[in-house]
Amino acid sequence: MSFTNKQAAELALTTGSNLVYTPPTDAQIRAFTVHNPTDAAINYTVEVNALAMVSRSIAAGATEVVSTLFNQQLQADEPLTMTGEGLNIMLTVVEITG
């Protein structure tokens, strides 16, 4: 079995649902950070395989760690998507092969 640490996504969210990451193999979420660089609060939702896992609001200028998803398993080809236009996000995973 092989474990590969990977920065899976670093992006600014646009309107609608944003594809953040689709694992090519089983993966585990290790870190997930959300930053709101705007002057207003933004509501956001994180979905895994079309199921809402996190739904929150983040204050203007705030940064938060989405710790509720730490160590959660993603199966191969199971998309992680997110809404929250204007947010910057960074996702780190461990991909598991073998």
N, C-alpha and C. Protein backbone atom coordinates (compact mmCIF):
# COMPACT_ATOMS: atom_id res chain seq x y z
N MET A 1 0.84 -1.17 0.00
CA MET A 1 0.00 0.00 0.00
C MET A 1 0.89 1.24 0.00
N SER A 2 0.49 2.23 -0.78
CA SER A 2 1.27 3.46 -0.91
C SER A 2 0.41 4.65 -0.52
N PHE A 3 1.02 5.62 0.17
CA PHE A 3 0.33 6.83 0.61
C PHE A 3 1.05 8.04 0.02
N THR A 4 0.31 8.90 -0.68
CA THR A 4 0.89 10.08 -1.31
C THR A 4 0.19 11.33 -0.81
N ASN A 5 0.93 12.20 -0.09
CA ASN A 5 0.38 13.49 0.33
C ASN A 5 0.30 14.39 -0.89
N LYS A 6 -0.81 15.12 -1.00
CA LYS A 6 -1.02 15.93 -2.19
C LYS A 6 -1.85 17.16 -1.86
N GLN A 7 -1.41 18.32 -2.35
CA GLN A 7 -2.26 19.50 -2.30
C GLN A 7 -3.23 19.34 -3.46
N ALA A 8 -4.45 18.95 -3.16
CA ALA A 8 -5.42 18.57 -4.18
C ALA A 8 -6.10 19.76 -4.84
N ALA A 9 -6.20 20.88 -4.12
CA ALA A 9 -6.88 22.05 -4.69
C ALA A 9 -6.42 23.32 -4.00
N GLU A 10 -6.30 24.35 -4.79
CA GLU A 10 -6.06 25.71 -4.32
C GLU A 10 -6.76 26.60 -5.33
N LEU A 11 -7.94 27.11 -4.97
CA LEU A 11 -8.71 27.84 -5.96
C LEU A 11 -9.64 28.86 -5.34
N ALA A 12 -10.09 29.78 -6.19
CA ALA A 12 -11.10 30.77 -5.83
C ALA A 12 -12.43 30.26 -6.37
N LEU A 13 -13.44 30.22 -5.51
CA LEU A 13 -14.74 29.69 -5.93
C LEU A 13 -15.51 30.71 -6.76
N THR A 14 -16.20 30.22 -7.78
CA THR A 14 -17.04 31.05 -8.63
C THR A 14 -18.51 30.72 -8.34
N THR A 15 -19.42 31.23 -9.16
CA THR A 15 -20.84 30.98 -8.94
C THR A 15 -21.19 29.51 -9.11
N GLY A 16 -22.23 29.09 -8.43
CA GLY A 16 -22.71 27.72 -8.57
C GLY A 16 -21.82 26.71 -7.88
N SER A 17 -21.95 25.47 -8.31
CA SER A 17 -21.18 24.37 -7.73
C SER A 17 -19.80 24.29 -8.38
N ASN A 18 -18.77 24.26 -7.56
CA ASN A 18 -17.38 24.20 -8.03
C ASN A 18 -16.81 22.82 -7.74
N LEU A 19 -16.26 22.17 -8.75
CA LEU A 19 -15.57 20.90 -8.53
C LEU A 19 -14.23 21.22 -7.88
N VAL A 20 -14.03 20.73 -6.67
CA VAL A 20 -12.80 20.98 -5.93
C VAL A 20 -11.80 19.86 -6.16
N TYR A 21 -12.27 18.61 -6.10
CA TYR A 21 -11.35 17.47 -6.21
C TYR A 21 -12.13 16.20 -6.50
N THR A 22 -11.61 15.41 -7.41
CA THR A 22 -12.11 14.06 -7.67
C THR A 22 -10.93 13.11 -7.53
N PRO A 23 -10.90 12.29 -6.51
CA PRO A 23 -9.74 11.42 -6.29
C PRO A 23 -9.64 10.32 -7.35
N PRO A 24 -8.44 10.10 -7.89
CA PRO A 24 -8.24 9.03 -8.86
C PRO A 24 -8.21 7.65 -8.19
N THR A 25 -8.03 7.66 -6.89
CA THR A 25 -7.99 6.45 -6.06
C THR A 25 -8.58 6.82 -4.71
N ASP A 26 -8.70 5.89 -3.79
CA ASP A 26 -9.20 6.25 -2.47
C ASP A 26 -8.29 7.32 -1.85
N ALA A 27 -8.89 8.23 -1.10
CA ALA A 27 -8.13 9.33 -0.50
C ALA A 27 -8.71 9.68 0.86
N GLN A 28 -7.91 10.39 1.64
CA GLN A 28 -8.34 10.84 2.96
C GLN A 28 -8.04 12.33 3.06
N ILE A 29 -9.02 13.10 3.52
CA ILE A 29 -8.84 14.55 3.69
C ILE A 29 -7.93 14.78 4.89
N ARG A 30 -6.88 15.56 4.69
CA ARG A 30 -5.92 15.85 5.77
C ARG A 30 -6.04 17.29 6.26
N ALA A 31 -6.34 18.23 5.36
CA ALA A 31 -6.48 19.64 5.75
C ALA A 31 -7.40 20.32 4.75
N PHE A 32 -8.20 21.27 5.26
CA PHE A 32 -9.13 21.99 4.40
C PHE A 32 -9.31 23.39 4.99
N THR A 33 -8.87 24.40 4.27
CA THR A 33 -8.91 25.78 4.75
C THR A 33 -9.76 26.63 3.81
N VAL A 34 -10.59 27.50 4.39
CA VAL A 34 -11.45 28.40 3.64
C VAL A 34 -11.14 29.83 4.10
N HIS A 35 -10.97 30.74 3.13
CA HIS A 35 -10.72 32.15 3.45
C HIS A 35 -11.72 33.02 2.70
N ASN A 36 -12.26 34.01 3.39
CA ASN A 36 -13.19 34.97 2.79
C ASN A 36 -12.50 36.32 2.67
N PRO A 37 -12.00 36.68 1.47
CA PRO A 37 -11.30 37.95 1.31
C PRO A 37 -12.24 39.13 1.06
N THR A 38 -13.55 38.89 1.07
CA THR A 38 -14.51 39.94 0.73
C THR A 38 -14.91 40.76 1.96
N ASP A 39 -15.77 41.76 1.72
CA ASP A 39 -16.26 42.63 2.79
C ASP A 39 -17.61 42.19 3.35
N ALA A 40 -18.06 41.00 2.97
CA ALA A 40 -19.36 40.50 3.44
C ALA A 40 -19.25 39.02 3.80
N ALA A 41 -20.11 38.58 4.69
CA ALA A 41 -20.16 37.15 5.03
C ALA A 41 -20.59 36.36 3.80
N ILE A 42 -20.10 35.12 3.69
CA ILE A 42 -20.45 34.24 2.57
C ILE A 42 -20.90 32.90 3.15
N ASN A 43 -22.04 32.43 2.67
CA ASN A 43 -22.52 31.09 3.01
C ASN A 43 -21.84 30.10 2.08
N TYR A 44 -21.43 28.95 2.62
CA TYR A 44 -20.83 27.93 1.77
C TYR A 44 -21.30 26.55 2.16
N THR A 45 -21.25 25.64 1.19
CA THR A 45 -21.61 24.25 1.40
C THR A 45 -20.55 23.37 0.75
N VAL A 46 -20.16 22.32 1.45
CA VAL A 46 -19.24 21.32 0.91
C VAL A 46 -20.03 20.03 0.73
N GLU A 47 -19.97 19.47 -0.48
CA GLU A 47 -20.66 18.22 -0.77
C GLU A 47 -19.67 17.15 -1.18
N VAL A 48 -19.93 15.92 -0.75
CA VAL A 48 -19.15 14.77 -1.19
C VAL A 48 -20.13 13.82 -1.87
N ASN A 49 -19.88 13.55 -3.14
CA ASN A 49 -20.73 12.66 -3.93
C ASN A 49 -22.19 13.12 -3.87
N ALA A 50 -22.41 14.45 -4.00
CA ALA A 50 -23.72 15.10 -4.03
C ALA A 50 -24.46 15.08 -2.69
N LEU A 51 -23.77 14.75 -1.59
CA LEU A 51 -24.36 14.80 -0.26
C LEU A 51 -23.73 15.93 0.54
N ALA A 52 -24.56 16.84 1.08
CA ALA A 52 -24.04 17.96 1.86
C ALA A 52 -23.39 17.45 3.14
N MET A 53 -22.13 17.83 3.36
CA MET A 53 -21.38 17.42 4.54
C MET A 53 -21.16 18.59 5.49
N VAL A 54 -21.03 19.80 4.94
CA VAL A 54 -20.79 21.00 5.75
C VAL A 54 -21.59 22.13 5.12
N SER A 55 -22.27 22.91 5.96
CA SER A 55 -22.99 24.10 5.50
C SER A 55 -22.82 25.17 6.57
N ARG A 56 -22.12 26.23 6.21
CA ARG A 56 -21.76 27.26 7.19
C ARG A 56 -21.75 28.64 6.54
N SER A 57 -21.54 29.64 7.38
CA SER A 57 -21.30 31.00 6.95
C SER A 57 -19.95 31.42 7.51
N ILE A 58 -19.18 32.13 6.70
CA ILE A 58 -17.87 32.61 7.15
C ILE A 58 -17.87 34.14 7.07
N ALA A 59 -17.43 34.79 8.12
CA ALA A 59 -17.44 36.24 8.21
C ALA A 59 -16.47 36.88 7.22
N ALA A 60 -16.72 38.13 6.89
CA ALA A 60 -15.84 38.89 6.01
C ALA A 60 -14.43 38.91 6.58
N GLY A 61 -13.44 38.65 5.73
CA GLY A 61 -12.05 38.70 6.14
C GLY A 61 -11.57 37.53 6.98
N ALA A 62 -12.43 36.58 7.24
CA ALA A 62 -12.09 35.46 8.13
C ALA A 62 -11.46 34.28 7.37
N THR A 63 -10.69 33.50 8.12
CA THR A 63 -10.14 32.24 7.63
C THR A 63 -10.54 31.17 8.63
N GLU A 64 -10.97 30.02 8.12
CA GLU A 64 -11.30 28.92 9.04
C GLU A 64 -10.83 27.59 8.47
N VAL A 65 -10.54 26.70 9.39
CA VAL A 65 -10.16 25.34 9.06
C VAL A 65 -11.42 24.49 9.17
N VAL A 66 -11.73 23.74 8.13
CA VAL A 66 -12.93 22.90 8.11
C VAL A 66 -12.56 21.54 8.72
N SER A 67 -12.41 21.52 10.03
CA SER A 67 -11.91 20.33 10.72
C SER A 67 -12.91 19.18 10.76
N THR A 68 -14.18 19.46 10.53
CA THR A 68 -15.18 18.38 10.54
C THR A 68 -14.93 17.36 9.43
N LEU A 69 -14.16 17.73 8.42
CA LEU A 69 -13.87 16.80 7.32
C LEU A 69 -12.52 16.10 7.46
N PHE A 70 -11.73 16.45 8.46
CA PHE A 70 -10.43 15.80 8.63
C PHE A 70 -10.60 14.30 8.80
N ASN A 71 -9.75 13.55 8.13
CA ASN A 71 -9.71 12.09 8.16
C ASN A 71 -10.90 11.42 7.49
N GLN A 72 -11.77 12.18 6.85
CA GLN A 72 -12.88 11.57 6.12
C GLN A 72 -12.35 10.90 4.85
N GLN A 73 -12.88 9.74 4.56
CA GLN A 73 -12.45 8.98 3.38
C GLN A 73 -13.26 9.40 2.16
N LEU A 74 -12.57 9.53 1.04
CA LEU A 74 -13.20 9.73 -0.26
C LEU A 74 -12.88 8.51 -1.09
N GLN A 75 -13.88 7.94 -1.73
CA GLN A 75 -13.64 6.80 -2.59
C GLN A 75 -13.23 7.30 -3.97
N ALA A 76 -12.55 6.46 -4.72
CA ALA A 76 -12.11 6.82 -6.08
C ALA A 76 -13.30 7.34 -6.88
N ASP A 77 -13.07 8.44 -7.59
CA ASP A 77 -14.07 9.07 -8.48
C ASP A 77 -15.26 9.67 -7.75
N GLU A 78 -15.17 9.86 -6.44
CA GLU A 78 -16.24 10.45 -5.65
C GLU A 78 -15.96 11.96 -5.53
N PRO A 79 -16.69 12.82 -6.26
CA PRO A 79 -16.34 14.23 -6.32
C PRO A 79 -16.63 15.00 -5.04
N LEU A 80 -15.73 15.92 -4.71
CA LEU A 80 -15.93 16.88 -3.64
C LEU A 80 -16.20 18.21 -4.33
N THR A 81 -17.39 18.77 -4.09
CA THR A 81 -17.77 20.04 -4.70
C THR A 81 -18.09 21.05 -3.61
N MET A 82 -18.15 22.32 -4.02
CA MET A 82 -18.36 23.37 -3.03
C MET A 82 -19.04 24.57 -3.67
N THR A 83 -19.94 25.21 -2.93
CA THR A 83 -20.50 26.50 -3.31
C THR A 83 -19.96 27.54 -2.34
N GLY A 84 -19.96 28.79 -2.76
CA GLY A 84 -19.46 29.87 -1.90
C GLY A 84 -18.68 30.88 -2.72
N GLU A 85 -19.36 31.48 -3.68
CA GLU A 85 -18.69 32.41 -4.60
C GLU A 85 -17.89 33.46 -3.84
N GLY A 86 -16.62 33.62 -4.24
CA GLY A 86 -15.74 34.61 -3.64
C GLY A 86 -14.75 34.05 -2.63
N LEU A 87 -14.96 32.82 -2.18
CA LEU A 87 -14.05 32.22 -1.21
C LEU A 87 -12.80 31.66 -1.88
N ASN A 88 -11.71 31.65 -1.13
CA ASN A 88 -10.48 30.96 -1.54
C ASN A 88 -10.37 29.71 -0.68
N ILE A 89 -10.01 28.59 -1.30
CA ILE A 89 -9.92 27.34 -0.54
C ILE A 89 -8.62 26.61 -0.86
N MET A 90 -8.18 25.82 0.12
CA MET A 90 -7.03 24.94 -0.07
C MET A 90 -7.38 23.60 0.58
N LEU A 91 -7.15 22.52 -0.20
CA LEU A 91 -7.46 21.17 0.25
C LEU A 91 -6.22 20.30 0.11
N THR A 92 -5.88 19.58 1.18
CA THR A 92 -4.77 18.63 1.17
C THR A 92 -5.32 17.25 1.48
N VAL A 93 -4.87 16.26 0.72
CA VAL A 93 -5.33 14.88 0.91
C VAL A 93 -4.15 13.93 0.93
N VAL A 94 -4.42 12.70 1.34
CA VAL A 94 -3.50 11.58 1.17
C VAL A 94 -4.19 10.61 0.23
N GLU A 95 -3.56 10.34 -0.92
CA GLU A 95 -4.10 9.36 -1.85
C GLU A 95 -3.53 7.99 -1.51
N ILE A 96 -4.39 6.98 -1.53
CA ILE A 96 -4.03 5.63 -1.10
C ILE A 96 -4.10 4.70 -2.30
N THR A 97 -2.99 4.06 -2.62
CA THR A 97 -2.96 3.12 -3.74
C THR A 97 -2.41 1.77 -3.29
N GLY A 98 -2.78 0.76 -4.03
CA GLY A 98 -2.22 -0.57 -3.77
C GLY A 98 -3.07 -1.46 -2.94
